[in-house]
């Protein structure tokens, strides 16, 4: 409904891609608490 605590993750180097992936720890300790997760596919 409104803004929530949000974790933004990035890398952006060495031709390494950040891809979608299931992370149980992140789900339990972050997402289940109503928080959001953002993964940025930046240049580099």
ModelCIF file with pLDDT and N, C-alpha, C, O atoms, coordinates in Angstrom:
data_MODEL
#
_entry.id   MODEL 
#
_entity.id                         1 
_entity.type                       polymer 
_entity.pdbx_number_of_molecules   1 
#
_entity_poly.entity_id                      1 
_entity_poly.type                           'polypeptide(L)' 
_entity_poly.nstd_linkage                   no 
_entity_poly.nstd_monomer                   no 
_entity_poly.pdbx_seq_one_letter_code       
;(UNK)(UNK)(UNK)(UNK)(UNK)(UNK)(UNK)(UNK)(UNK)(UNK)(UNK)(UNK)(UNK)(UNK)(UNK)(UNK)
(UNK)(UNK)(UNK)(UNK)(UNK)(UNK)(UNK)(UNK)(UNK)(UNK)(UNK)(UNK)(UNK)(UNK)(UNK)(UNK)
(UNK)(UNK)(UNK)(UNK)(UNK)(UNK)(UNK)(UNK)(UNK)(UNK)(UNK)(UNK)
;
_entity_poly.pdbx_seq_one_letter_code_can   XXXXXXXXXXXXXXXXXXXXXXXXXXXXXXXXXXXXXXXXXXXX 
_entity_poly.pdbx_strand_id                 A 
#
loop_
_entity_poly_seq.entity_id 
_entity_poly_seq.num 
_entity_poly_seq.mon_id 
_entity_poly_seq.hetero 
1 1  UNK n 
1 2  UNK n 
1 3  UNK n 
1 4  UNK n 
1 5  UNK n 
1 6  UNK n 
1 7  UNK n 
1 8  UNK n 
1 9  UNK n 
1 10 UNK n 
1 11 UNK n 
1 12 UNK n 
1 13 UNK n 
1 14 UNK n 
1 15 UNK n 
1 16 UNK n 
1 17 UNK n 
1 18 UNK n 
1 19 UNK n 
1 20 UNK n 
1 21 UNK n 
1 22 UNK n 
1 23 UNK n 
1 24 UNK n 
1 25 UNK n 
1 26 UNK n 
1 27 UNK n 
1 28 UNK n 
1 29 UNK n 
1 30 UNK n 
1 31 UNK n 
1 32 UNK n 
1 33 UNK n 
1 34 UNK n 
1 35 UNK n 
1 36 UNK n 
1 37 UNK n 
1 38 UNK n 
1 39 UNK n 
1 40 UNK n 
1 41 UNK n 
1 42 UNK n 
1 43 UNK n 
1 44 UNK n 
#
_struct_asym.id          A 
_struct_asym.entity_id   1 
#
loop_
_ma_qa_metric.id 
_ma_qa_metric.mode 
_ma_qa_metric.name 
_ma_qa_metric.software_group_id 
_ma_qa_metric.type 
1 global pLDDT . pLDDT 
2 local  pLDDT . pLDDT 
#
_ma_qa_metric_global.metric_id      1 
_ma_qa_metric_global.metric_value   97.39 
_ma_qa_metric_global.model_id       1 
_ma_qa_metric_global.ordinal_id     1 
#
loop_
_ma_qa_metric_local.label_asym_id 
_ma_qa_metric_local.label_comp_id 
_ma_qa_metric_local.label_seq_id 
_ma_qa_metric_local.metric_id 
_ma_qa_metric_local.metric_value 
_ma_qa_metric_local.model_id 
_ma_qa_metric_local.ordinal_id 
A UNK 1  2 94.00 1 1  
A UNK 2  2 96.00 1 2  
A UNK 3  2 98.00 1 3  
A UNK 4  2 98.00 1 4  
A UNK 5  2 98.00 1 5  
A UNK 6  2 98.00 1 6  
A UNK 7  2 98.00 1 7  
A UNK 8  2 98.00 1 8  
A UNK 9  2 98.00 1 9  
A UNK 10 2 98.00 1 10 
A UNK 11 2 98.00 1 11 
A UNK 12 2 98.00 1 12 
A UNK 13 2 98.00 1 13 
A UNK 14 2 97.00 1 14 
A UNK 15 2 96.00 1 15 
A UNK 16 2 96.00 1 16 
A UNK 17 2 96.00 1 17 
A UNK 18 2 96.00 1 18 
A UNK 19 2 95.00 1 19 
A UNK 20 2 96.00 1 20 
A UNK 21 2 96.00 1 21 
A UNK 22 2 97.00 1 22 
A UNK 23 2 97.00 1 23 
A UNK 24 2 98.00 1 24 
A UNK 25 2 98.00 1 25 
A UNK 26 2 98.00 1 26 
A UNK 27 2 98.00 1 27 
A UNK 28 2 98.00 1 28 
A UNK 29 2 98.00 1 29 
A UNK 30 2 98.00 1 30 
A UNK 31 2 98.00 1 31 
A UNK 32 2 97.00 1 32 
A UNK 33 2 97.00 1 33 
A UNK 34 2 97.00 1 34 
A UNK 35 2 98.00 1 35 
A UNK 36 2 98.00 1 36 
A UNK 37 2 98.00 1 37 
A UNK 38 2 98.00 1 38 
A UNK 39 2 98.00 1 39 
A UNK 40 2 98.00 1 40 
A UNK 41 2 98.00 1 41 
A UNK 42 2 98.00 1 42 
A UNK 43 2 98.00 1 43 
A UNK 44 2 98.00 1 44 
#
loop_
_atom_site.group_PDB 
_atom_site.id 
_atom_site.type_symbol 
_atom_site.label_atom_id 
_atom_site.label_alt_id 
_atom_site.label_comp_id 
_atom_site.label_asym_id 
_atom_site.label_entity_id 
_atom_site.label_seq_id 
_atom_site.pdbx_PDB_ins_code 
_atom_site.Cartn_x 
_atom_site.Cartn_y 
_atom_site.Cartn_z 
_atom_site.occupancy 
_atom_site.B_iso_or_equiv 
_atom_site.pdbx_formal_charge 
_atom_site.auth_seq_id 
_atom_site.auth_comp_id 
_atom_site.auth_asym_id 
_atom_site.auth_atom_id 
_atom_site.pdbx_PDB_model_num 
ATOM 1   N N  . UNK A 1 1  ? 0.808  -1.230  0.000   1.00 94.00 ? 1  UNK A N  1 
ATOM 2   C CA . UNK A 1 1  ? 0.000  0.000   0.000   1.00 94.00 ? 1  UNK A CA 1 
ATOM 3   C C  . UNK A 1 1  ? 0.840  1.279   0.000   1.00 94.00 ? 1  UNK A C  1 
ATOM 4   O O  . UNK A 1 1  ? 0.389  2.319   -0.480  1.00 94.00 ? 1  UNK A O  1 
ATOM 5   N N  . UNK A 1 2  ? 2.037  1.204   0.527   1.00 96.00 ? 2  UNK A N  1 
ATOM 6   C CA . UNK A 1 2  ? 2.871  2.399   0.608   1.00 96.00 ? 2  UNK A CA 1 
ATOM 7   C C  . UNK A 1 2  ? 4.327  2.004   0.701   1.00 96.00 ? 2  UNK A C  1 
ATOM 8   O O  . UNK A 1 2  ? 4.642  0.816   0.637   1.00 96.00 ? 2  UNK A O  1 
ATOM 9   N N  . UNK A 1 3  ? 5.232  2.970   0.850   1.00 98.00 ? 3  UNK A N  1 
ATOM 10  C CA . UNK A 1 3  ? 6.668  2.659   0.908   1.00 98.00 ? 3  UNK A CA 1 
ATOM 11  C C  . UNK A 1 3  ? 7.010  1.701   2.055   1.00 98.00 ? 3  UNK A C  1 
ATOM 12  O O  . UNK A 1 3  ? 6.443  1.785   3.145   1.00 98.00 ? 3  UNK A O  1 
ATOM 13  N N  . UNK A 1 4  ? 7.950  0.792   1.782   1.00 98.00 ? 4  UNK A N  1 
ATOM 14  C CA . UNK A 1 4  ? 8.398  -0.175  2.792   1.00 98.00 ? 4  UNK A CA 1 
ATOM 15  C C  . UNK A 1 4  ? 9.927  -0.214  2.793   1.00 98.00 ? 4  UNK A C  1 
ATOM 16  O O  . UNK A 1 4  ? 10.551 0.246   1.836   1.00 98.00 ? 4  UNK A O  1 
ATOM 17  N N  . UNK A 1 5  ? 10.542 -0.755  3.849   1.00 98.00 ? 5  UNK A N  1 
ATOM 18  C CA . UNK A 1 5  ? 11.992 -0.970  3.815   1.00 98.00 ? 5  UNK A CA 1 
ATOM 19  C C  . UNK A 1 5  ? 12.364 -1.815  2.599   1.00 98.00 ? 5  UNK A C  1 
ATOM 20  O O  . UNK A 1 5  ? 11.770 -2.867  2.361   1.00 98.00 ? 5  UNK A O  1 
ATOM 21  N N  . UNK A 1 6  ? 13.339 -1.355  1.842   1.00 98.00 ? 6  UNK A N  1 
ATOM 22  C CA . UNK A 1 6  ? 13.677 -1.980  0.560   1.00 98.00 ? 6  UNK A CA 1 
ATOM 23  C C  . UNK A 1 6  ? 15.181 -2.180  0.463   1.00 98.00 ? 6  UNK A C  1 
ATOM 24  O O  . UNK A 1 6  ? 15.955 -1.245  0.668   1.00 98.00 ? 6  UNK A O  1 
ATOM 25  N N  . UNK A 1 7  ? 15.588 -3.401  0.150   1.00 98.00 ? 7  UNK A N  1 
ATOM 26  C CA . UNK A 1 7  ? 17.002 -3.712  -0.050  1.00 98.00 ? 7  UNK A CA 1 
ATOM 27  C C  . UNK A 1 7  ? 17.294 -3.671  -1.542  1.00 98.00 ? 7  UNK A C  1 
ATOM 28  O O  . UNK A 1 7  ? 16.699 -4.414  -2.322  1.00 98.00 ? 7  UNK A O  1 
ATOM 29  N N  . UNK A 1 8  ? 18.217 -2.794  -1.934  1.00 98.00 ? 8  UNK A N  1 
ATOM 30  C CA . UNK A 1 8  ? 18.644 -2.655  -3.330  1.00 98.00 ? 8  UNK A CA 1 
ATOM 31  C C  . UNK A 1 8  ? 20.041 -3.241  -3.461  1.00 98.00 ? 8  UNK A C  1 
ATOM 32  O O  . UNK A 1 8  ? 20.974 -2.819  -2.779  1.00 98.00 ? 8  UNK A O  1 
ATOM 33  N N  . UNK A 1 9  ? 20.171 -4.230  -4.358  1.00 98.00 ? 9  UNK A N  1 
ATOM 34  C CA . UNK A 1 9  ? 21.438 -4.947  -4.519  1.00 98.00 ? 9  UNK A CA 1 
ATOM 35  C C  . UNK A 1 9  ? 21.989 -4.703  -5.922  1.00 98.00 ? 9  UNK A C  1 
ATOM 36  O O  . UNK A 1 9  ? 21.236 -4.667  -6.896  1.00 98.00 ? 9  UNK A O  1 
ATOM 37  N N  . UNK A 1 10 ? 23.319 -4.532  -6.016  1.00 98.00 ? 10 UNK A N  1 
ATOM 38  C CA . UNK A 1 10 ? 23.940 -4.323  -7.316  1.00 98.00 ? 10 UNK A CA 1 
ATOM 39  C C  . UNK A 1 10 ? 25.364 -4.834  -7.365  1.00 98.00 ? 10 UNK A C  1 
ATOM 40  O O  . UNK A 1 10 ? 25.968 -5.122  -6.332  1.00 98.00 ? 10 UNK A O  1 
ATOM 41  N N  . UNK A 1 11 ? 25.901 -4.947  -8.585  1.00 98.00 ? 11 UNK A N  1 
ATOM 42  C CA . UNK A 1 11 ? 27.294 -5.373  -8.789  1.00 98.00 ? 11 UNK A CA 1 
ATOM 43  C C  . UNK A 1 11 ? 27.941 -4.530  -9.893  1.00 98.00 ? 11 UNK A C  1 
ATOM 44  O O  . UNK A 1 11 ? 28.738 -3.643  -9.590  1.00 98.00 ? 11 UNK A O  1 
ATOM 45  N N  . UNK A 1 12 ? 27.620 -4.784  -11.147 1.00 98.00 ? 12 UNK A N  1 
ATOM 46  C CA . UNK A 1 12 ? 28.038 -3.909  -12.236 1.00 98.00 ? 12 UNK A CA 1 
ATOM 47  C C  . UNK A 1 12 ? 29.512 -3.922  -12.571 1.00 98.00 ? 12 UNK A C  1 
ATOM 48  O O  . UNK A 1 12 ? 30.147 -2.868  -12.602 1.00 98.00 ? 12 UNK A O  1 
ATOM 49  N N  . UNK A 1 13 ? 30.076 -5.103  -12.825 1.00 98.00 ? 13 UNK A N  1 
ATOM 50  C CA . UNK A 1 13 ? 31.479 -5.169  -13.212 1.00 98.00 ? 13 UNK A CA 1 
ATOM 51  C C  . UNK A 1 13 ? 31.865 -6.508  -13.792 1.00 98.00 ? 13 UNK A C  1 
ATOM 52  O O  . UNK A 1 13 ? 31.160 -7.502  -13.618 1.00 98.00 ? 13 UNK A O  1 
ATOM 53  N N  . UNK A 1 14 ? 33.005 -6.532  -14.493 1.00 97.00 ? 14 UNK A N  1 
ATOM 54  C CA . UNK A 1 14 ? 33.679 -7.761  -14.932 1.00 97.00 ? 14 UNK A CA 1 
ATOM 55  C C  . UNK A 1 14 ? 32.797 -8.677  -15.797 1.00 97.00 ? 14 UNK A C  1 
ATOM 56  O O  . UNK A 1 14 ? 33.027 -9.885  -15.847 1.00 97.00 ? 14 UNK A O  1 
ATOM 57  N N  . UNK A 1 15 ? 31.806 -8.115  -16.465 1.00 96.00 ? 15 UNK A N  1 
ATOM 58  C CA . UNK A 1 15 ? 30.896 -8.905  -17.318 1.00 96.00 ? 15 UNK A CA 1 
ATOM 59  C C  . UNK A 1 15 ? 30.069 -9.907  -16.515 1.00 96.00 ? 15 UNK A C  1 
ATOM 60  O O  . UNK A 1 15 ? 29.531 -10.854 -17.089 1.00 96.00 ? 15 UNK A O  1 
ATOM 61  N N  . UNK A 1 16 ? 29.957 -9.718  -15.196 1.00 96.00 ? 16 UNK A N  1 
ATOM 62  C CA . UNK A 1 16 ? 29.202 -10.654 -14.354 1.00 96.00 ? 16 UNK A CA 1 
ATOM 63  C C  . UNK A 1 16 ? 27.732 -10.220 -14.323 1.00 96.00 ? 16 UNK A C  1 
ATOM 64  O O  . UNK A 1 16 ? 27.439 -9.093  -13.924 1.00 96.00 ? 16 UNK A O  1 
ATOM 65  N N  . UNK A 1 17 ? 26.800 -11.094 -14.736 1.00 96.00 ? 17 UNK A N  1 
ATOM 66  C CA . UNK A 1 17 ? 25.388 -10.719 -14.694 1.00 96.00 ? 17 UNK A CA 1 
ATOM 67  C C  . UNK A 1 17 ? 24.758 -11.014 -13.338 1.00 96.00 ? 17 UNK A C  1 
ATOM 68  O O  . UNK A 1 17 ? 25.146 -11.970 -12.667 1.00 96.00 ? 17 UNK A O  1 
ATOM 69  N N  . UNK A 1 18 ? 23.801 -10.207 -12.939 1.00 96.00 ? 18 UNK A N  1 
ATOM 70  C CA . UNK A 1 18 ? 22.953 -10.520 -11.786 1.00 96.00 ? 18 UNK A CA 1 
ATOM 71  C C  . UNK A 1 18 ? 21.643 -11.084 -12.328 1.00 96.00 ? 18 UNK A C  1 
ATOM 72  O O  . UNK A 1 18 ? 20.933 -10.411 -13.076 1.00 96.00 ? 18 UNK A O  1 
ATOM 73  N N  . UNK A 1 19 ? 21.327 -12.319 -11.949 1.00 95.00 ? 19 UNK A N  1 
ATOM 74  C CA . UNK A 1 19 ? 20.178 -13.029 -12.504 1.00 95.00 ? 19 UNK A CA 1 
ATOM 75  C C  . UNK A 1 19 ? 19.152 -13.317 -11.419 1.00 95.00 ? 19 UNK A C  1 
ATOM 76  O O  . UNK A 1 19 ? 19.497 -13.347 -10.238 1.00 95.00 ? 19 UNK A O  1 
ATOM 77  N N  . UNK A 1 20 ? 17.901 -13.527 -11.801 1.00 96.00 ? 20 UNK A N  1 
ATOM 78  C CA . UNK A 1 20 ? 16.894 -13.896 -10.798 1.00 96.00 ? 20 UNK A CA 1 
ATOM 79  C C  . UNK A 1 20 ? 17.275 -15.189 -10.098 1.00 96.00 ? 20 UNK A C  1 
ATOM 80  O O  . UNK A 1 20 ? 17.758 -16.124 -10.738 1.00 96.00 ? 20 UNK A O  1 
ATOM 81  N N  . UNK A 1 21 ? 17.064 -15.249 -8.800  1.00 96.00 ? 21 UNK A N  1 
ATOM 82  C CA . UNK A 1 21 ? 17.393 -16.460 -8.047  1.00 96.00 ? 21 UNK A CA 1 
ATOM 83  C C  . UNK A 1 21 ? 16.624 -16.525 -6.741  1.00 96.00 ? 21 UNK A C  1 
ATOM 84  O O  . UNK A 1 21 ? 16.329 -15.506 -6.117  1.00 96.00 ? 21 UNK A O  1 
ATOM 85  N N  . UNK A 1 22 ? 16.310 -17.740 -6.347  1.00 97.00 ? 22 UNK A N  1 
ATOM 86  C CA . UNK A 1 22 ? 15.564 -17.985 -5.114  1.00 97.00 ? 22 UNK A CA 1 
ATOM 87  C C  . UNK A 1 22 ? 16.540 -17.985 -3.946  1.00 97.00 ? 22 UNK A C  1 
ATOM 88  O O  . UNK A 1 22 ? 17.559 -18.673 -3.993  1.00 97.00 ? 22 UNK A O  1 
ATOM 89  N N  . UNK A 1 23 ? 16.243 -17.232 -2.914  1.00 97.00 ? 23 UNK A N  1 
ATOM 90  C CA . UNK A 1 23 ? 17.103 -17.160 -1.731  1.00 97.00 ? 23 UNK A CA 1 
ATOM 91  C C  . UNK A 1 23 ? 16.229 -17.318 -0.493  1.00 97.00 ? 23 UNK A C  1 
ATOM 92  O O  . UNK A 1 23 ? 15.535 -16.386 -0.088  1.00 97.00 ? 23 UNK A O  1 
ATOM 93  N N  . UNK A 1 24 ? 16.271 -18.499 0.097   1.00 98.00 ? 24 UNK A N  1 
ATOM 94  C CA . UNK A 1 24 ? 15.422 -18.787 1.251   1.00 98.00 ? 24 UNK A CA 1 
ATOM 95  C C  . UNK A 1 24 ? 15.687 -17.875 2.427   1.00 98.00 ? 24 UNK A C  1 
ATOM 96  O O  . UNK A 1 24 ? 14.755 -17.452 3.112   1.00 98.00 ? 24 UNK A O  1 
ATOM 97  N N  . UNK A 1 25 ? 16.962 -17.567 2.669   1.00 98.00 ? 25 UNK A N  1 
ATOM 98  C CA . UNK A 1 25 ? 17.303 -16.710 3.808   1.00 98.00 ? 25 UNK A CA 1 
ATOM 99  C C  . UNK A 1 25 ? 16.729 -15.309 3.598   1.00 98.00 ? 25 UNK A C  1 
ATOM 100 O O  . UNK A 1 25 ? 16.157 -14.727 4.520   1.00 98.00 ? 25 UNK A O  1 
ATOM 101 N N  . UNK A 1 26 ? 16.879 -14.772 2.396   1.00 98.00 ? 26 UNK A N  1 
ATOM 102 C CA . UNK A 1 26 ? 16.316 -13.449 2.105   1.00 98.00 ? 26 UNK A CA 1 
ATOM 103 C C  . UNK A 1 26 ? 14.794 -13.471 2.243   1.00 98.00 ? 26 UNK A C  1 
ATOM 104 O O  . UNK A 1 26 ? 14.199 -12.524 2.757   1.00 98.00 ? 26 UNK A O  1 
ATOM 105 N N  . UNK A 1 27 ? 14.176 -14.546 1.786   1.00 98.00 ? 27 UNK A N  1 
ATOM 106 C CA . UNK A 1 27 ? 12.728 -14.655 1.898   1.00 98.00 ? 27 UNK A CA 1 
ATOM 107 C C  . UNK A 1 27 ? 12.248 -14.639 3.332   1.00 98.00 ? 27 UNK A C  1 
ATOM 108 O O  . UNK A 1 27 ? 11.286 -13.950 3.672   1.00 98.00 ? 27 UNK A O  1 
ATOM 109 N N  . UNK A 1 28 ? 12.936 -15.415 4.182   1.00 98.00 ? 28 UNK A N  1 
ATOM 110 C CA . UNK A 1 28 ? 12.511 -15.532 5.580   1.00 98.00 ? 28 UNK A CA 1 
ATOM 111 C C  . UNK A 1 28 ? 12.855 -14.300 6.401   1.00 98.00 ? 28 UNK A C  1 
ATOM 112 O O  . UNK A 1 28 ? 12.036 -13.829 7.191   1.00 98.00 ? 28 UNK A O  1 
ATOM 113 N N  . UNK A 1 29 ? 14.062 -13.776 6.219   1.00 98.00 ? 29 UNK A N  1 
ATOM 114 C CA . UNK A 1 29 ? 14.531 -12.693 7.089   1.00 98.00 ? 29 UNK A CA 1 
ATOM 115 C C  . UNK A 1 29 ? 14.185 -11.306 6.553   1.00 98.00 ? 29 UNK A C  1 
ATOM 116 O O  . UNK A 1 29 ? 14.364 -10.312 7.257   1.00 98.00 ? 29 UNK A O  1 
ATOM 117 N N  . UNK A 1 30 ? 13.698 -11.226 5.328   1.00 98.00 ? 30 UNK A N  1 
ATOM 118 C CA . UNK A 1 30 ? 13.430 -9.902  4.761   1.00 98.00 ? 30 UNK A CA 1 
ATOM 119 C C  . UNK A 1 30 ? 12.032 -9.813  4.130   1.00 98.00 ? 30 UNK A C  1 
ATOM 120 O O  . UNK A 1 30 ? 11.216 -8.989  4.542   1.00 98.00 ? 30 UNK A O  1 
ATOM 121 N N  . UNK A 1 31 ? 11.763 -10.653 3.144   1.00 98.00 ? 31 UNK A N  1 
ATOM 122 C CA . UNK A 1 31 ? 10.506 -10.525 2.406   1.00 98.00 ? 31 UNK A CA 1 
ATOM 123 C C  . UNK A 1 31 ? 9.288  -10.877 3.255   1.00 98.00 ? 31 UNK A C  1 
ATOM 124 O O  . UNK A 1 31 ? 8.248  -10.229 3.135   1.00 98.00 ? 31 UNK A O  1 
ATOM 125 N N  . UNK A 1 32 ? 9.400  -11.892 4.111   1.00 97.00 ? 32 UNK A N  1 
ATOM 126 C CA . UNK A 1 32 ? 8.256  -12.282 4.944   1.00 97.00 ? 32 UNK A CA 1 
ATOM 127 C C  . UNK A 1 32 ? 7.878  -11.204 5.958   1.00 97.00 ? 32 UNK A C  1 
ATOM 128 O O  . UNK A 1 32 ? 6.779  -11.220 6.512   1.00 97.00 ? 32 UNK A O  1 
ATOM 129 N N  . UNK A 1 33 ? 8.791  -10.276 6.194   1.00 97.00 ? 33 UNK A N  1 
ATOM 130 C CA . UNK A 1 33 ? 8.505  -9.176  7.123   1.00 97.00 ? 33 UNK A CA 1 
ATOM 131 C C  . UNK A 1 33 ? 7.783  -8.018  6.417   1.00 97.00 ? 33 UNK A C  1 
ATOM 132 O O  . UNK A 1 33 ? 7.566  -6.963  7.014   1.00 97.00 ? 33 UNK A O  1 
ATOM 133 N N  . UNK A 1 34 ? 7.418  -8.219  5.159   1.00 97.00 ? 34 UNK A N  1 
ATOM 134 C CA . UNK A 1 34 ? 6.728  -7.169  4.411   1.00 97.00 ? 34 UNK A CA 1 
ATOM 135 C C  . UNK A 1 34 ? 7.656  -6.232  3.679   1.00 97.00 ? 34 UNK A C  1 
ATOM 136 O O  . UNK A 1 34 ? 7.200  -5.240  3.109   1.00 97.00 ? 34 UNK A O  1 
ATOM 137 N N  . UNK A 1 35 ? 8.954  -6.515  3.678   1.00 98.00 ? 35 UNK A N  1 
ATOM 138 C CA . UNK A 1 35 ? 9.929  -5.667  3.009   1.00 98.00 ? 35 UNK A CA 1 
ATOM 139 C C  . UNK A 1 35 ? 10.024 -6.010  1.522   1.00 98.00 ? 35 UNK A C  1 
ATOM 140 O O  . UNK A 1 35 ? 9.491  -7.027  1.078   1.00 98.00 ? 35 UNK A O  1 
ATOM 141 N N  . UNK A 1 36 ? 10.702 -5.162  0.765   1.00 98.00 ? 36 UNK A N  1 
ATOM 142 C CA . UNK A 1 36 ? 10.888 -5.370  -0.674  1.00 98.00 ? 36 UNK A CA 1 
ATOM 143 C C  . UNK A 1 36 ? 12.363 -5.604  -0.993  1.00 98.00 ? 36 UNK A C  1 
ATOM 144 O O  . UNK A 1 36 ? 13.254 -5.188  -0.252  1.00 98.00 ? 36 UNK A O  1 
ATOM 145 N N  . UNK A 1 37 ? 12.592 -6.283  -2.119  1.00 98.00 ? 37 UNK A N  1 
ATOM 146 C CA . UNK A 1 37 ? 13.956 -6.531  -2.601  1.00 98.00 ? 37 UNK A CA 1 
ATOM 147 C C  . UNK A 1 37 ? 14.046 -6.067  -4.048  1.00 98.00 ? 37 UNK A C  1 
ATOM 148 O O  . UNK A 1 37 ? 13.169 -6.362  -4.860  1.00 98.00 ? 37 UNK A O  1 
ATOM 149 N N  . UNK A 1 38 ? 15.120 -5.334  -4.367  1.00 98.00 ? 38 UNK A N  1 
ATOM 150 C CA . UNK A 1 38 ? 15.337 -4.825  -5.720  1.00 98.00 ? 38 UNK A CA 1 
ATOM 151 C C  . UNK A 1 38 ? 16.725 -5.261  -6.190  1.00 98.00 ? 38 UNK A C  1 
ATOM 152 O O  . UNK A 1 38 ? 17.704 -5.151  -5.450  1.00 98.00 ? 38 UNK A O  1 
ATOM 153 N N  . UNK A 1 39 ? 16.799 -5.757  -7.427  1.00 98.00 ? 39 UNK A N  1 
ATOM 154 C CA . UNK A 1 39 ? 18.069 -6.189  -8.005  1.00 98.00 ? 39 UNK A CA 1 
ATOM 155 C C  . UNK A 1 39 ? 18.293 -5.418  -9.302  1.00 98.00 ? 39 UNK A C  1 
ATOM 156 O O  . UNK A 1 39 ? 17.507 -5.520  -10.243 1.00 98.00 ? 39 UNK A O  1 
ATOM 157 N N  . UNK A 1 40 ? 19.378 -4.646  -9.337  1.00 98.00 ? 40 UNK A N  1 
ATOM 158 C CA . UNK A 1 40 ? 19.629 -3.731  -10.452 1.00 98.00 ? 40 UNK A CA 1 
ATOM 159 C C  . UNK A 1 40 ? 20.598 -4.350  -11.452 1.00 98.00 ? 40 UNK A C  1 
ATOM 160 O O  . UNK A 1 40 ? 21.650 -4.860  -11.067 1.00 98.00 ? 40 UNK A O  1 
ATOM 161 N N  . UNK A 1 41 ? 20.243 -4.306  -12.739 1.00 98.00 ? 41 UNK A N  1 
ATOM 162 C CA . UNK A 1 41 ? 21.079 -4.858  -13.812 1.00 98.00 ? 41 UNK A CA 1 
ATOM 163 C C  . UNK A 1 41 ? 21.851 -3.723  -14.481 1.00 98.00 ? 41 UNK A C  1 
ATOM 164 O O  . UNK A 1 41 ? 21.610 -3.402  -15.645 1.00 98.00 ? 41 UNK A O  1 
ATOM 165 N N  . UNK A 1 42 ? 22.773 -3.122  -13.747 1.00 98.00 ? 42 UNK A N  1 
ATOM 166 C CA . UNK A 1 42 ? 23.458 -1.917  -14.209 1.00 98.00 ? 42 UNK A CA 1 
ATOM 167 C C  . UNK A 1 42 ? 24.584 -2.245  -15.181 1.00 98.00 ? 42 UNK A C  1 
ATOM 168 O O  . UNK A 1 42 ? 25.046 -3.383  -15.258 1.00 98.00 ? 42 UNK A O  1 
ATOM 169 N N  . UNK A 1 43 ? 25.014 -1.231  -15.919 1.00 98.00 ? 43 UNK A N  1 
ATOM 170 C CA . UNK A 1 43 ? 26.122 -1.419  -16.861 1.00 98.00 ? 43 UNK A CA 1 
ATOM 171 C C  . UNK A 1 43 ? 27.413 -1.766  -16.112 1.00 98.00 ? 43 UNK A C  1 
ATOM 172 O O  . UNK A 1 43 ? 27.596 -1.428  -14.943 1.00 98.00 ? 43 UNK A O  1 
ATOM 173 N N  . UNK A 1 44 ? 28.286 -2.447  -16.830 1.00 98.00 ? 44 UNK A N  1 
ATOM 174 C CA . UNK A 1 44 ? 29.486 -3.012  -16.215 1.00 98.00 ? 44 UNK A CA 1 
ATOM 175 C C  . UNK A 1 44 ? 29.324 -4.501  -15.999 1.00 98.00 ? 44 UNK A C  1 
ATOM 176 O O  . UNK A 1 44 ? 30.235 -5.153  -15.489 1.00 98.00 ? 44 UNK A O  1 
#
